[in-house]
């Protein structure tokens, strides 16, 4: 549309511009403005879509972080529970062994007749004096080990 060096309008004989040139210029500007509006609308739509996508991505990342934190908490709780379970199983096994031992002991005691062993020293001979003598003998015996 430009004639030469940005001269859009031809001049009319009586000092003005030709109407056709002005109308063409106005129509061209309107078309350019409409194209720019369409391009701007498209860019605006793309920008909104990009922002929505970014928000969805941020929300998904936030949810993933929450899931990760929850998974870590569950893993820690599971580990702690596993330790408690292991300790409880160990305790249960010890109790079971002790229970077996006690049942076996009860069985043996029920089967065997009750034996009462007589004291090694008759009760009449147990006096405080006898106790002191035995104590002296024990001390002398221990001292001879060091001499």
N, C-alpha and C. Protein backbone atom coordinates (compact mmCIF):
# COMPACT_ATOMS: atom_id res chain seq x y z
N UNK A 1 0.82 -1.18 0.00
CA UNK A 1 0.00 0.00 0.00
C UNK A 1 0.86 1.25 0.00
N UNK A 2 2.02 1.13 0.62
CA UNK A 2 2.89 2.30 0.70
C UNK A 2 3.38 2.65 -0.69
N UNK A 3 3.41 3.89 -0.95
CA UNK A 3 3.86 4.36 -2.26
C UNK A 3 5.36 4.40 -2.28
N UNK A 4 5.93 5.35 -1.63
CA UNK A 4 7.37 5.37 -1.53
C UNK A 4 7.74 6.05 -0.22
N UNK A 5 8.66 5.41 0.50
CA UNK A 5 9.16 5.93 1.77
C UNK A 5 8.05 6.30 2.76
N UNK A 6 7.05 5.40 2.92
CA UNK A 6 6.00 5.62 3.91
C UNK A 6 4.94 6.59 3.48
N UNK A 7 4.92 7.02 2.23
CA UNK A 7 3.89 7.94 1.75
C UNK A 7 2.68 7.10 1.36
N UNK A 8 1.65 7.10 2.22
CA UNK A 8 0.49 6.25 1.99
C UNK A 8 -0.56 6.90 1.11
N UNK A 9 -0.60 8.17 1.11
CA UNK A 9 -1.69 8.85 0.42
C UNK A 9 -1.16 9.68 -0.75
N UNK A 10 -1.90 9.57 -1.83
CA UNK A 10 -1.59 10.49 -2.94
C UNK A 10 -2.33 11.80 -2.67
N UNK A 11 -1.75 12.79 -3.04
CA UNK A 11 -2.39 14.09 -2.80
C UNK A 11 -3.38 14.39 -3.91
N UNK A 12 -4.40 15.10 -3.50
CA UNK A 12 -5.43 15.48 -4.47
C UNK A 12 -5.06 16.85 -5.05
N UNK A 13 -5.71 17.20 -6.13
CA UNK A 13 -5.41 18.43 -6.83
C UNK A 13 -5.69 19.67 -5.98
N UNK A 14 -6.64 19.61 -5.13
CA UNK A 14 -6.98 20.81 -4.37
C UNK A 14 -6.46 20.76 -2.93
N UNK A 15 -5.38 20.11 -2.67
CA UNK A 15 -4.74 20.07 -1.37
C UNK A 15 -5.37 19.11 -0.41
N UNK A 16 -5.34 18.03 -0.55
CA UNK A 16 -5.86 17.02 0.38
C UNK A 16 -5.38 15.66 -0.09
N UNK A 17 -6.01 14.66 0.44
CA UNK A 17 -5.64 13.31 0.05
C UNK A 17 -6.79 12.69 -0.69
N UNK A 18 -6.46 11.73 -1.49
CA UNK A 18 -7.52 11.05 -2.23
C UNK A 18 -8.30 10.17 -1.26
N UNK A 19 -9.57 10.19 -1.42
CA UNK A 19 -10.47 9.47 -0.54
C UNK A 19 -10.22 7.97 -0.61
N UNK A 20 -9.97 7.43 -1.79
CA UNK A 20 -9.75 5.99 -1.96
C UNK A 20 -8.53 5.53 -1.16
N UNK A 21 -7.46 6.37 -1.22
CA UNK A 21 -6.25 6.02 -0.49
C UNK A 21 -6.51 6.00 1.02
N UNK A 22 -7.22 7.00 1.50
CA UNK A 22 -7.53 7.09 2.92
C UNK A 22 -8.39 5.91 3.34
N UNK A 23 -9.41 5.58 2.52
CA UNK A 23 -10.30 4.47 2.85
C UNK A 23 -9.53 3.15 2.84
N UNK A 24 -8.65 2.97 1.86
CA UNK A 24 -7.83 1.75 1.82
C UNK A 24 -6.94 1.66 3.06
N UNK A 25 -6.36 2.78 3.44
CA UNK A 25 -5.50 2.81 4.62
C UNK A 25 -6.30 2.45 5.87
N UNK A 26 -7.48 3.05 6.00
CA UNK A 26 -8.33 2.77 7.17
C UNK A 26 -8.74 1.31 7.19
N UNK A 27 -9.14 0.78 6.03
CA UNK A 27 -9.54 -0.64 5.96
C UNK A 27 -8.36 -1.55 6.26
N UNK A 28 -7.18 -1.20 5.75
CA UNK A 28 -5.99 -2.00 6.03
C UNK A 28 -5.66 -1.98 7.52
N UNK A 29 -5.79 -0.81 8.15
CA UNK A 29 -5.52 -0.69 9.58
C UNK A 29 -6.55 -1.50 10.39
N UNK A 30 -7.81 -1.47 9.92
CA UNK A 30 -8.84 -2.24 10.60
C UNK A 30 -8.54 -3.74 10.49
N UNK A 31 -8.14 -4.18 9.29
CA UNK A 31 -7.78 -5.59 9.11
C UNK A 31 -6.58 -5.97 10.00
N UNK A 32 -5.57 -5.10 10.01
CA UNK A 32 -4.40 -5.36 10.84
C UNK A 32 -4.77 -5.39 12.33
N UNK A 33 -5.66 -4.47 12.74
CA UNK A 33 -6.11 -4.43 14.12
C UNK A 33 -6.90 -5.69 14.47
N UNK A 34 -7.76 -6.10 13.54
CA UNK A 34 -8.54 -7.33 13.77
C UNK A 34 -7.61 -8.54 13.86
N UNK A 35 -6.61 -8.62 12.97
CA UNK A 35 -5.65 -9.72 13.01
C UNK A 35 -4.86 -9.71 14.32
N UNK A 36 -4.49 -8.49 14.75
CA UNK A 36 -3.76 -8.38 16.01
C UNK A 36 -4.64 -8.80 17.19
N UNK A 37 -5.94 -8.39 17.13
CA UNK A 37 -6.87 -8.81 18.19
C UNK A 37 -7.02 -10.33 18.22
N UNK A 38 -7.13 -10.94 17.04
CA UNK A 38 -7.24 -12.40 16.96
C UNK A 38 -5.96 -13.05 17.50
N UNK A 39 -4.81 -12.52 17.08
CA UNK A 39 -3.55 -13.07 17.56
C UNK A 39 -3.41 -12.88 19.07
N UNK A 40 -3.82 -11.69 19.55
CA UNK A 40 -3.76 -11.43 20.98
C UNK A 40 -4.71 -12.36 21.73
N UNK A 41 -5.90 -12.56 21.19
CA UNK A 41 -6.87 -13.48 21.81
C UNK A 41 -6.30 -14.90 21.86
N UNK A 42 -5.67 -15.31 20.77
CA UNK A 42 -5.06 -16.65 20.74
C UNK A 42 -3.93 -16.77 21.76
N UNK A 43 -3.10 -15.71 21.81
CA UNK A 43 -2.01 -15.73 22.79
C UNK A 43 -2.56 -15.71 24.22
N UNK A 44 -3.63 -14.95 24.43
CA UNK A 44 -4.25 -14.90 25.75
C UNK A 44 -4.80 -16.28 26.12
N UNK A 45 -5.45 -16.93 25.15
CA UNK A 45 -5.98 -18.29 25.39
C UNK A 45 -4.84 -19.25 25.70
N UNK A 46 -3.75 -19.17 24.95
CA UNK A 46 -2.60 -20.04 25.19
C UNK A 46 -1.99 -19.78 26.56
N UNK A 47 -1.95 -18.50 26.93
CA UNK A 47 -1.42 -18.13 28.24
C UNK A 47 -2.30 -18.69 29.35
N UNK A 48 -3.63 -18.54 29.21
CA UNK A 48 -4.55 -19.09 30.21
C UNK A 48 -4.41 -20.60 30.30
N UNK A 49 -4.31 -21.26 29.14
CA UNK A 49 -4.13 -22.72 29.14
C UNK A 49 -2.82 -23.11 29.82
N UNK A 50 -1.78 -22.34 29.54
CA UNK A 50 -0.48 -22.62 30.16
C UNK A 50 -0.56 -22.42 31.66
N UNK A 51 -1.26 -21.36 32.08
CA UNK A 51 -1.40 -21.11 33.53
C UNK A 51 -2.21 -22.22 34.18
N UNK A 52 -3.30 -22.64 33.52
CA UNK A 52 -4.09 -23.75 34.06
C UNK A 52 -3.24 -25.00 34.17
N UNK A 53 -2.46 -25.27 33.12
CA UNK A 53 -1.57 -26.42 33.15
C UNK A 53 -0.55 -26.32 34.27
N UNK A 54 -0.01 -25.13 34.45
CA UNK A 54 0.97 -24.91 35.52
C UNK A 54 0.32 -25.11 36.88
N UNK A 55 -0.91 -24.61 37.05
CA UNK A 55 -1.61 -24.80 38.32
C UNK A 55 -1.92 -26.27 38.57
N UNK A 56 -2.32 -26.98 37.50
CA UNK A 56 -2.58 -28.42 37.65
C UNK A 56 -1.29 -29.15 38.04
N UNK A 57 -0.19 -28.74 37.39
CA UNK A 57 1.09 -29.37 37.68
C UNK A 57 1.51 -29.08 39.13
N UNK A 58 1.32 -27.82 39.56
CA UNK A 58 1.67 -27.45 40.93
C UNK A 58 0.80 -28.22 41.93
N UNK A 59 -0.49 -28.34 41.62
CA UNK A 59 -1.38 -29.09 42.49
C UNK A 59 -0.97 -30.56 42.55
N UNK A 60 -0.64 -31.12 41.38
CA UNK A 60 -0.20 -32.51 41.35
C UNK A 60 1.10 -32.68 42.14
N UNK A 61 2.01 -31.73 42.00
CA UNK A 61 3.28 -31.80 42.75
C UNK A 61 3.02 -31.70 44.25
N UNK A 62 2.09 -30.82 44.63
CA UNK A 62 1.74 -30.68 46.04
C UNK A 62 1.12 -31.97 46.57
N UNK A 63 0.21 -32.54 45.77
CA UNK A 63 -0.41 -33.81 46.17
C UNK A 63 0.64 -34.92 46.27
N UNK A 64 1.56 -34.94 45.32
CA UNK A 64 2.62 -35.95 45.34
C UNK A 64 3.50 -35.79 46.57
N UNK A 65 3.80 -34.55 46.92
CA UNK A 65 4.61 -34.28 48.12
C UNK A 65 3.85 -34.74 49.36
N UNK A 66 2.53 -34.47 49.40
CA UNK A 66 1.72 -34.92 50.54
C UNK A 66 1.70 -36.44 50.61
N UNK A 67 1.53 -37.07 49.43
CA UNK A 67 1.53 -38.55 49.40
C UNK A 67 2.88 -39.09 49.86
N UNK A 68 3.95 -38.43 49.42
CA UNK A 68 5.28 -38.86 49.82
C UNK A 68 5.47 -38.75 51.33
N UNK A 69 5.02 -37.63 51.89
CA UNK A 69 5.13 -37.43 53.33
C UNK A 69 4.29 -38.47 54.08
N UNK A 70 3.09 -38.72 53.57
CA UNK A 70 2.22 -39.72 54.20
C UNK A 70 2.86 -41.11 54.08
N UNK A 71 3.44 -41.40 52.92
CA UNK A 71 4.10 -42.70 52.73
C UNK A 71 5.28 -42.84 53.69
N UNK A 72 6.02 -41.75 53.91
CA UNK A 72 7.14 -41.79 54.86
C UNK A 72 6.64 -42.05 56.27
N UNK A 73 5.54 -41.39 56.63
CA UNK A 73 4.98 -41.60 57.97
C UNK A 73 4.51 -43.04 58.13
N UNK A 74 3.86 -43.56 57.09
CA UNK A 74 3.39 -44.94 57.15
C UNK A 74 4.58 -45.89 57.25
N UNK A 75 5.64 -45.62 56.49
CA UNK A 75 6.83 -46.46 56.52
C UNK A 75 7.47 -46.43 57.91
N UNK A 76 7.55 -45.23 58.51
CA UNK A 76 8.12 -45.13 59.86
C UNK A 76 7.26 -45.88 60.87
N UNK A 77 5.94 -45.72 60.76
CA UNK A 77 5.03 -46.43 61.67
C UNK A 77 5.15 -47.93 61.48
N UNK A 78 5.26 -48.36 60.23
CA UNK A 78 5.41 -49.78 59.94
C UNK A 78 6.72 -50.32 60.51
N UNK A 79 7.79 -49.57 60.38
CA UNK A 79 9.08 -49.98 60.92
C UNK A 79 9.00 -50.10 62.44
N UNK A 80 8.39 -49.09 63.06
CA UNK A 80 8.24 -49.12 64.51
C UNK A 80 7.37 -50.30 64.93
N UNK A 81 6.29 -50.53 64.21
CA UNK A 81 5.40 -51.66 64.52
C UNK A 81 6.14 -52.98 64.34
N UNK A 82 6.98 -53.08 63.30
CA UNK A 82 7.76 -54.30 63.06
C UNK A 82 8.72 -54.55 64.23
N UNK A 83 9.35 -53.48 64.73
CA UNK A 83 10.24 -53.63 65.89
C UNK A 83 9.45 -54.12 67.11
N UNK A 84 8.28 -53.51 67.31
CA UNK A 84 7.45 -53.92 68.45
C UNK A 84 7.00 -55.37 68.29
N UNK A 85 6.65 -55.73 67.06
CA UNK A 85 6.22 -57.11 66.80
C UNK A 85 7.36 -58.08 67.07
N UNK A 86 8.56 -57.75 66.60
CA UNK A 86 9.72 -58.61 66.84
C UNK A 86 9.97 -58.77 68.34
N UNK A 87 9.90 -57.65 69.08
CA UNK A 87 10.10 -57.71 70.53
C UNK A 87 9.01 -58.57 71.18
N UNK A 88 7.78 -58.40 70.75
CA UNK A 88 6.67 -59.18 71.32
C UNK A 88 6.83 -60.66 70.98
N UNK A 89 7.28 -60.97 69.77
CA UNK A 89 7.48 -62.37 69.40
C UNK A 89 8.62 -62.98 70.22
N UNK A 90 9.68 -62.20 70.43
CA UNK A 90 10.79 -62.68 71.27
C UNK A 90 10.31 -62.95 72.68
N UNK A 91 9.54 -62.02 73.23
CA UNK A 91 9.00 -62.18 74.58
C UNK A 91 8.07 -63.38 74.64
N UNK A 92 7.23 -63.54 73.63
CA UNK A 92 6.31 -64.68 73.59
C UNK A 92 7.08 -65.99 73.54
N UNK A 93 8.17 -66.03 72.77
CA UNK A 93 8.99 -67.24 72.69
C UNK A 93 9.62 -67.53 74.05
N UNK A 94 10.12 -66.50 74.73
CA UNK A 94 10.70 -66.69 76.06
C UNK A 94 9.65 -67.20 77.04
N UNK A 95 8.48 -66.61 76.99
CA UNK A 95 7.39 -67.05 77.88
C UNK A 95 7.01 -68.49 77.56
N UNK A 96 6.97 -68.83 76.29
CA UNK A 96 6.63 -70.20 75.89
C UNK A 96 7.68 -71.19 76.40
N UNK A 97 8.98 -70.82 76.30
CA UNK A 97 10.04 -71.70 76.82
C UNK A 97 9.91 -71.86 78.34
N UNK A 98 9.66 -70.73 79.02
CA UNK A 98 9.50 -70.80 80.47
C UNK A 98 8.28 -71.62 80.83
N UNK A 99 7.21 -71.45 80.11
CA UNK A 99 5.98 -72.20 80.33
C UNK A 99 6.23 -73.70 80.14
N UNK A 100 6.95 -74.05 79.07
CA UNK A 100 7.27 -75.45 78.81
C UNK A 100 8.11 -76.01 79.96
N UNK A 101 9.13 -75.23 80.38
CA UNK A 101 9.99 -75.66 81.47
C UNK A 101 9.18 -75.90 82.74
N UNK A 102 8.28 -74.95 83.08
CA UNK A 102 7.47 -75.08 84.30
C UNK A 102 6.51 -76.25 84.20
N UNK A 103 5.92 -76.47 83.04
CA UNK A 103 5.01 -77.62 82.88
C UNK A 103 5.77 -78.93 83.05
N UNK A 104 6.96 -78.96 82.47
CA UNK A 104 7.78 -80.16 82.59
C UNK A 104 8.17 -80.39 84.05
N UNK A 105 8.51 -79.34 84.73
CA UNK A 105 8.88 -79.44 86.15
C UNK A 105 7.68 -79.92 86.97
N UNK A 106 6.50 -79.37 86.67
CA UNK A 106 5.29 -79.80 87.37
C UNK A 106 5.04 -81.28 87.11
N UNK A 107 5.21 -81.67 85.86
CA UNK A 107 4.98 -83.08 85.50
C UNK A 107 5.94 -83.98 86.27
N UNK A 108 7.22 -83.59 86.32
CA UNK A 108 8.20 -84.40 87.05
C UNK A 108 7.89 -84.44 88.53
N UNK A 109 7.48 -83.29 89.08
CA UNK A 109 7.15 -83.25 90.50
C UNK A 109 5.91 -84.09 90.81
N UNK A 110 4.96 -84.11 89.92
CA UNK A 110 3.76 -84.91 90.13
C UNK A 110 4.06 -86.40 90.03
N UNK A 111 4.99 -86.76 89.15
CA UNK A 111 5.33 -88.17 88.97
C UNK A 111 6.23 -88.67 90.09
N UNK A 112 7.17 -87.90 90.54
CA UNK A 112 8.13 -88.34 91.55
C UNK A 112 7.52 -88.25 92.93
N UNK A 113 7.83 -89.24 93.78
CA UNK A 113 7.32 -89.15 95.15
C UNK A 113 8.08 -88.05 95.89
N UNK A 114 7.43 -87.51 96.84
CA UNK A 114 8.01 -86.42 97.61
C UNK A 114 9.07 -86.97 98.55
N UNK A 115 10.29 -86.50 98.37
CA UNK A 115 11.39 -86.94 99.22
C UNK A 115 11.75 -85.81 100.16
N UNK A 116 11.88 -86.17 101.40
CA UNK A 116 12.31 -85.20 102.38
C UNK A 116 13.67 -85.65 102.86
N UNK A 117 14.65 -84.85 102.61
CA UNK A 117 16.00 -85.20 103.03
C UNK A 117 16.20 -84.74 104.47
N UNK A 118 16.83 -85.60 105.24
CA UNK A 118 17.09 -85.18 106.61
C UNK A 118 18.21 -84.15 106.60
N UNK A 119 18.23 -83.29 107.56
CA UNK A 119 19.30 -82.30 107.61
C UNK A 119 20.65 -82.99 107.83
N UNK A 120 21.69 -82.37 107.30
CA UNK A 120 23.01 -82.97 107.42
C UNK A 120 23.53 -82.91 108.85
N UNK A 121 23.08 -81.96 109.60
CA UNK A 121 23.45 -81.84 111.02
C UNK A 121 22.16 -81.89 111.81
N UNK A 122 22.10 -82.72 112.80
CA UNK A 122 20.88 -82.76 113.61
C UNK A 122 20.59 -81.40 114.22
N UNK A 123 19.32 -81.12 114.33
CA UNK A 123 18.89 -79.82 114.82
C UNK A 123 19.41 -79.52 116.22
N UNK A 124 19.58 -80.58 117.02
CA UNK A 124 20.04 -80.36 118.39
C UNK A 124 21.45 -79.78 118.40
N UNK A 125 22.24 -80.13 117.38
CA UNK A 125 23.63 -79.70 117.34
C UNK A 125 23.78 -78.30 116.76
N UNK A 126 22.76 -77.78 116.15
CA UNK A 126 22.84 -76.44 115.56
C UNK A 126 22.69 -75.40 116.65
N UNK A 127 23.78 -74.83 116.97
CA UNK A 127 23.77 -73.77 117.97
C UNK A 127 24.56 -72.61 117.40
N UNK A 128 24.50 -71.52 118.09
CA UNK A 128 25.23 -70.35 117.63
C UNK A 128 26.72 -70.60 117.74
N UNK A 129 27.12 -71.35 118.73
CA UNK A 129 28.53 -71.69 118.90
C UNK A 129 29.02 -72.54 117.75
N UNK A 130 28.23 -73.49 117.36
CA UNK A 130 28.59 -74.37 116.23
C UNK A 130 28.70 -73.53 114.95
N UNK A 131 27.81 -72.59 114.79
CA UNK A 131 27.83 -71.70 113.63
C UNK A 131 29.13 -70.91 113.58
N UNK A 132 29.58 -70.38 114.73
CA UNK A 132 30.81 -69.61 114.79
C UNK A 132 32.03 -70.48 114.49
N UNK A 133 32.01 -71.71 114.97
CA UNK A 133 33.12 -72.62 114.70
C UNK A 133 33.23 -72.91 113.20
N UNK A 134 32.10 -73.19 112.58
CA UNK A 134 32.09 -73.46 111.13
C UNK A 134 32.56 -72.23 110.36
N UNK A 135 32.19 -71.09 110.87
CA UNK A 135 32.60 -69.85 110.21
C UNK A 135 34.12 -69.67 110.31
N UNK A 136 34.68 -69.94 111.49
CA UNK A 136 36.14 -69.84 111.66
C UNK A 136 36.86 -70.82 110.76
N UNK A 137 36.36 -72.02 110.64
CA UNK A 137 36.97 -73.03 109.77
C UNK A 137 36.94 -72.57 108.31
N UNK A 138 35.86 -71.99 107.91
CA UNK A 138 35.73 -71.52 106.52
C UNK A 138 36.70 -70.39 106.25
N UNK A 139 36.86 -69.50 107.23
CA UNK A 139 37.77 -68.37 107.05
C UNK A 139 39.21 -68.89 107.01
N UNK A 140 39.57 -69.81 107.90
CA UNK A 140 40.92 -70.38 107.90
C UNK A 140 41.21 -71.09 106.58
N UNK A 141 40.24 -71.77 106.06
CA UNK A 141 40.41 -72.47 104.78
C UNK A 141 40.65 -71.51 103.63
N UNK A 142 39.98 -70.41 103.65
CA UNK A 142 40.17 -69.42 102.61
C UNK A 142 41.52 -68.74 102.76
N UNK A 143 41.96 -68.50 103.98
CA UNK A 143 43.23 -67.82 104.21
C UNK A 143 44.39 -68.71 103.79
N UNK A 144 44.26 -70.01 103.94
CA UNK A 144 45.35 -70.92 103.56
C UNK A 144 45.57 -70.89 102.05
N UNK A 145 44.59 -70.54 101.30
CA UNK A 145 44.77 -70.43 99.85
C UNK A 145 45.71 -69.30 99.50
N UNK A 146 45.74 -68.25 100.30
CA UNK A 146 46.57 -67.09 100.00
C UNK A 146 47.99 -67.21 100.57
N UNK A 147 48.21 -68.11 101.51
CA UNK A 147 49.54 -68.27 102.14
C UNK A 147 50.45 -69.15 101.36
